[in-house]
Protein backbone atom coordinates (compact mmCIF):
# COMPACT_ATOMS: atom_id res chain seq x y z
CA MET A 1 9.67 59.54 -24.29
CA ARG A 2 12.23 57.05 -24.91
CA PHE A 3 15.59 56.35 -23.37
CA TYR A 4 18.80 54.87 -25.18
CA LYS A 5 22.03 54.30 -23.67
CA VAL A 6 25.40 55.07 -25.61
CA ASN A 7 28.72 54.50 -23.90
CA GLY A 8 27.15 54.20 -20.30
CA ILE A 9 25.22 57.57 -20.85
CA GLU A 10 21.57 57.88 -21.28
CA HIS A 11 19.85 60.06 -23.81
CA LYS A 12 16.58 61.03 -24.33
CA VAL A 13 14.12 61.05 -27.38
CA TYR A 14 11.06 63.31 -27.13
CA GLU A 15 7.81 62.03 -28.86
CA PRO A 16 5.97 64.38 -30.76
CA ASP A 17 3.15 64.94 -27.69
CA ASP A 18 6.29 65.45 -24.73
CA VAL A 19 6.21 68.26 -23.32
CA LEU A 20 9.91 69.81 -23.64
CA PRO A 21 11.84 70.87 -20.86
CA LYS A 22 11.60 74.70 -20.61
CA GLY A 23 14.44 76.34 -22.29
CA LEU A 24 15.07 73.62 -24.92
CA ILE A 25 15.98 74.81 -27.77
CA VAL A 26 15.40 72.78 -31.27
CA GLN A 27 16.67 73.07 -34.53
CA SER A 28 14.07 72.49 -37.04
CA ARG A 29 16.31 71.96 -39.71
CA TRP A 30 18.30 68.61 -38.71
CA ARG A 31 20.78 68.84 -41.18
CA GLU A 32 22.56 71.87 -39.40
CA GLY A 33 22.39 70.35 -36.38
CA GLN A 34 25.81 70.73 -34.47
CA VAL A 35 27.21 68.32 -31.70
CA GLY A 36 25.28 69.02 -28.66
CA ASP A 37 22.06 70.74 -30.50
CA TRP A 38 18.67 69.25 -30.02
CA ILE A 39 16.98 68.59 -33.62
CA LYS A 40 13.69 67.79 -34.76
CA ALA A 41 13.73 64.85 -37.30
CA ASP A 42 11.49 63.91 -39.88
CA ASP A 43 8.91 61.76 -37.68
CA ASP A 44 8.31 64.97 -35.51
CA CYS A 45 10.45 63.60 -32.64
CA ILE A 46 13.20 65.53 -30.89
CA ILE A 47 16.71 63.96 -30.59
CA GLN A 48 20.19 65.41 -29.85
CA VAL A 49 23.04 65.42 -32.13
CA LEU A 50 25.82 63.54 -30.50
CA ARG A 51 28.44 63.38 -33.44
CA ARG A 52 28.81 65.28 -36.51
CA GLY A 53 31.88 64.63 -39.04
CA LYS A 54 32.75 63.77 -42.66
CA MET A 55 33.74 60.33 -44.35
CA HIS A 56 35.95 60.29 -47.36
CA LYS A 57 35.03 57.62 -50.05
CA PRO A 58 37.22 55.99 -52.61
CA LYS A 59 34.54 55.89 -55.51
CA GLY A 60 31.67 57.69 -56.54
CA LYS A 61 30.68 61.44 -57.63
CA HIS A 62 30.73 62.65 -54.14
CA LYS A 63 34.09 61.88 -52.53
CA VAL A 64 33.36 63.34 -49.23
CA VAL A 65 30.04 62.29 -47.14
CA GLU A 66 29.00 64.80 -44.17
CA TYR A 67 27.07 62.76 -41.27
CA LEU A 68 25.43 63.47 -38.09
CA GLY A 69 24.98 60.46 -35.19
CA THR A 70 22.40 60.35 -32.88
CA CYS A 71 21.73 57.94 -30.45
CA THR A 72 19.52 56.03 -32.47
CA GLY A 73 21.38 56.03 -35.79
CA THR A 74 24.09 57.80 -37.91
CA PHE A 75 22.69 59.80 -41.11
CA PRO A 76 24.35 61.48 -44.11
CA ILE A 77 23.46 65.15 -44.41
CA SER A 78 22.48 64.18 -47.99
CA ARG A 79 19.63 61.61 -46.89
CA SER A 80 16.31 62.81 -47.85
CA LYS A 81 14.64 61.76 -44.33
CA MET A 82 15.74 61.23 -41.20
CA ASP A 83 13.98 59.23 -38.11
CA THR A 84 14.45 58.19 -34.42
CA SER A 85 13.97 54.21 -34.92
CA ARG A 86 16.82 52.56 -32.90
CA ARG A 87 19.52 50.76 -35.39
CA ILE A 88 21.03 47.88 -33.99
CA ASN A 89 24.36 49.60 -35.32
CA ILE A 90 24.07 53.02 -34.61
CA TYR A 91 27.69 54.16 -36.18
CA SER A 92 26.88 53.07 -39.70
CA PHE A 93 24.66 54.35 -42.39
CA GLY A 94 22.83 51.47 -43.31
CA GLY A 95 22.56 50.71 -39.30
CA SER A 96 21.77 46.82 -39.92
CA LYS A 97 18.56 45.67 -38.75
CA LEU A 98 16.27 48.39 -36.81
CA ALA A 99 15.51 47.80 -33.23
CA GLU A 100 11.84 48.30 -34.30
CA ASP A 101 11.80 45.33 -36.26
CA ILE A 102 12.25 43.02 -33.54
CA VAL A 103 9.13 44.46 -32.19
CA ILE A 104 7.35 44.13 -35.38
CA GLU A 105 8.01 40.40 -35.62
CA ARG A 106 6.64 39.53 -32.45
CA THR A 107 3.44 37.42 -32.70
CA ALA A 108 1.42 38.48 -29.52
CA LEU A 109 -0.72 41.87 -29.30
CA ASN A 110 -0.41 44.33 -26.76
CA LYS A 111 -3.00 46.56 -25.42
CA HIS A 112 -2.63 49.42 -27.46
CA GLU A 113 -2.52 47.36 -30.78
CA LYS A 114 -5.66 45.28 -29.37
CA MET A 115 -7.49 48.60 -29.37
CA PHE A 116 -5.94 49.94 -32.53
CA VAL A 117 -7.37 46.82 -34.26
CA LEU A 118 -10.97 47.15 -32.44
CA TYR A 119 -11.15 50.87 -33.97
CA MET A 120 -10.07 49.79 -37.24
CA SER A 121 -12.48 47.35 -37.67
CA MET A 122 -15.33 49.91 -36.52
CA GLY A 123 -14.35 51.73 -39.59
CA MET A 124 -11.86 54.25 -38.76
CA SER A 125 -8.68 55.11 -41.07
CA PRO A 126 -5.49 53.79 -39.57
CA GLU A 127 -4.39 57.29 -38.75
CA SER A 128 -7.22 57.90 -36.56
CA ALA A 129 -7.64 54.54 -34.98
CA TYR A 130 -3.84 55.10 -34.19
CA MET A 131 -4.55 58.46 -32.54
CA LYS A 132 -7.34 56.97 -30.45
CA ALA A 133 -5.69 54.09 -29.30
CA TYR A 134 -2.09 55.65 -28.39
CA PRO A 135 -1.12 58.62 -26.27
CA THR A 136 -0.74 61.02 -29.52
CA LYS A 137 -2.44 64.22 -30.95
CA ASN A 138 0.28 64.09 -33.99
CA SER A 139 -1.37 62.95 -37.22
CA LYS A 140 1.80 62.71 -38.98
CA TYR A 141 3.29 60.67 -36.26
CA ALA A 142 0.34 58.58 -36.41
CA SER A 143 0.12 58.11 -40.54
CA VAL A 144 3.70 56.57 -40.07
CA LYS A 145 3.26 54.29 -37.07
CA SER A 146 -0.12 53.03 -38.41
CA SER A 147 1.17 52.18 -41.48
CA GLN A 148 3.60 50.10 -39.98
CA LEU A 149 1.50 48.43 -37.86
CA ILE A 150 -1.00 47.20 -40.26
CA SER A 151 1.85 45.68 -42.32
CA THR A 152 2.87 43.36 -39.50
CA GLU A 153 1.25 39.86 -39.49
CA ARG A 154 0.00 39.97 -35.92
CA VAL A 155 -2.21 42.89 -36.58
CA MET A 156 -3.46 41.90 -40.00
CA THR A 157 -4.49 38.20 -38.51
CA ALA A 158 -6.08 40.04 -35.92
CA MET A 159 -7.92 42.09 -38.53
CA LYS A 160 -9.42 39.06 -40.19
CA GLU A 161 -10.92 37.76 -37.02
CA GLU A 162 -12.61 41.06 -36.39
CA LEU A 163 -13.78 41.14 -39.92
CA LYS A 164 -15.36 37.39 -39.63
CA PRO A 165 -18.44 38.25 -38.24
CA VAL A 166 -18.96 41.30 -41.02
CA PHE A 167 -18.45 38.41 -43.95
CA GLU A 168 -20.66 35.85 -42.45
CA ASP A 169 -23.65 38.75 -42.06
CA LEU A 170 -23.17 39.29 -45.79
CA LYS A 171 -22.90 35.75 -46.51
CA ILE A 172 -19.34 35.98 -48.09
CA SER A 173 -17.64 32.95 -47.95
CA ASN A 174 -14.64 31.56 -50.13
CA LYS A 175 -16.91 29.92 -52.38
CA TYR A 176 -18.97 32.73 -52.83
CA VAL A 177 -16.03 35.01 -53.77
CA LEU A 178 -14.81 32.53 -56.02
CA GLU A 179 -18.39 32.00 -58.11
CA THR A 180 -18.87 35.63 -58.00
CA ILE A 181 -15.31 36.33 -59.55
CA LYS A 182 -16.28 33.83 -62.04
CA GLY A 183 -19.30 35.03 -62.73
CA VAL A 184 -17.73 38.85 -63.43
CA ILE A 185 -15.25 37.39 -65.64
CA ASP A 186 -17.53 35.13 -67.68
CA SER A 187 -20.27 38.46 -67.88
CA THR A 188 -17.97 41.26 -68.87
CA GLU A 189 -16.08 42.24 -72.10
CA LYS A 190 -14.33 45.11 -69.93
CA ASP A 191 -10.71 44.12 -69.01
CA GLU A 192 -10.79 47.01 -66.81
CA THR A 193 -14.00 45.83 -65.09
CA ARG A 194 -12.84 42.19 -64.52
CA LEU A 195 -9.70 43.01 -63.02
CA LYS A 196 -11.13 45.26 -60.66
CA ALA A 197 -13.74 42.61 -59.51
CA LEU A 198 -10.93 40.34 -59.32
CA PHE A 199 -8.14 42.13 -57.43
CA LYS A 200 -10.90 43.77 -54.98
CA LEU A 201 -12.64 40.45 -53.66
CA ALA A 202 -9.24 38.64 -54.15
CA ASP A 203 -8.00 41.26 -51.63
CA ILE A 204 -10.75 41.37 -49.28
CA MET A 205 -10.55 37.23 -48.84
CA ASP A 206 -6.71 37.46 -48.71
CA MET A 207 -6.38 35.00 -51.47
CA GLU A 208 -3.18 36.22 -52.74
CA GLU A 209 0.18 37.07 -51.44
CA LYS A 210 0.58 40.91 -51.03
CA THR A 211 3.64 42.82 -50.66
CA LYS A 212 3.92 45.17 -47.68
CA SER A 213 3.79 48.06 -49.78
CA ASN A 214 0.25 46.88 -51.15
CA VAL A 215 -0.98 45.76 -47.36
CA THR A 216 -1.33 49.31 -46.03
CA GLN A 217 -3.11 50.61 -48.76
CA ILE A 218 -5.63 47.64 -49.00
CA THR A 219 -6.09 47.49 -45.60
CA GLY A 220 -6.79 51.23 -44.79
CA ALA A 221 -9.39 51.00 -47.61
CA LEU A 222 -11.01 47.65 -46.49
CA PHE A 223 -11.74 48.89 -42.90
CA GLN A 224 -13.63 52.27 -43.94
CA GLY A 225 -16.38 49.64 -43.91
CA PHE A 226 -18.50 48.43 -46.75
CA SER A 227 -20.69 51.11 -48.52
CA ASP A 228 -24.34 49.82 -49.83
CA ASP A 229 -23.20 50.25 -53.33
CA GLU A 230 -20.65 47.71 -52.62
CA ILE A 231 -22.83 45.44 -50.68
CA GLN A 232 -25.43 45.64 -53.78
CA ALA A 233 -22.54 45.10 -56.26
CA ALA A 234 -21.38 41.92 -54.06
CA GLU A 235 -25.39 40.30 -54.16
CA ARG A 236 -25.44 41.09 -58.13
CA PRO A 237 -22.27 40.50 -59.86
CA LYS A 238 -24.04 40.97 -63.29
CA GLU A 239 -24.36 44.63 -62.54
CA VAL A 240 -21.00 44.82 -61.48
CA SER A 241 -19.86 44.16 -65.14
CA THR A 242 -22.14 46.79 -66.76
CA GLY A 243 -20.53 49.70 -64.26
CA SER A 244 -18.17 52.15 -65.40
């Protein structure tokens, strides 16, 4: 459960696994929520509607924009998704910077994040690792939060440290990767195979700049562990070039 103050009054946000007060009625369709109603956001958290109104726009196809406000932000009814992440400015649609962005920018791991990294290094998926490291059993919530975590620099750095022994056991070094990539490029006539080998190894060794949208996908796949076929392919680069 989280608490946020608005105009000196403390308001609650219930997490997916929180036990709700007896008799609390929750509107599952947040767009239909009225002032005072408790609604279920798209991140499965429960929050109360504090404001609802209409804003007139001088331009655009839709001259009137209906919205509702909570202790974490203001959301147009036409918006595709609504979450309970706290905005700096809870009265504007954009909300400026998310309060959770400040948390994302910190450099030190907390105890839950350390366990999350450990479970990931053991081969768990990001979602499963989050559910084991944090007190939640909600897979949808865990999927969203784990994606946010593995896009942070501090978690990515910790993951790389956990992977170092794996690379050492497999005798995979920067020099080995470069030599393997060159071997695949030189030995195959298939552009698709050449690019697959290039991107896979470059991603694993973090030799290229990746956007945050790619980090989640790459990290999730990487921490499933190496299969026997992948290890054999890494040891025999010429066989990679003759595959698929």
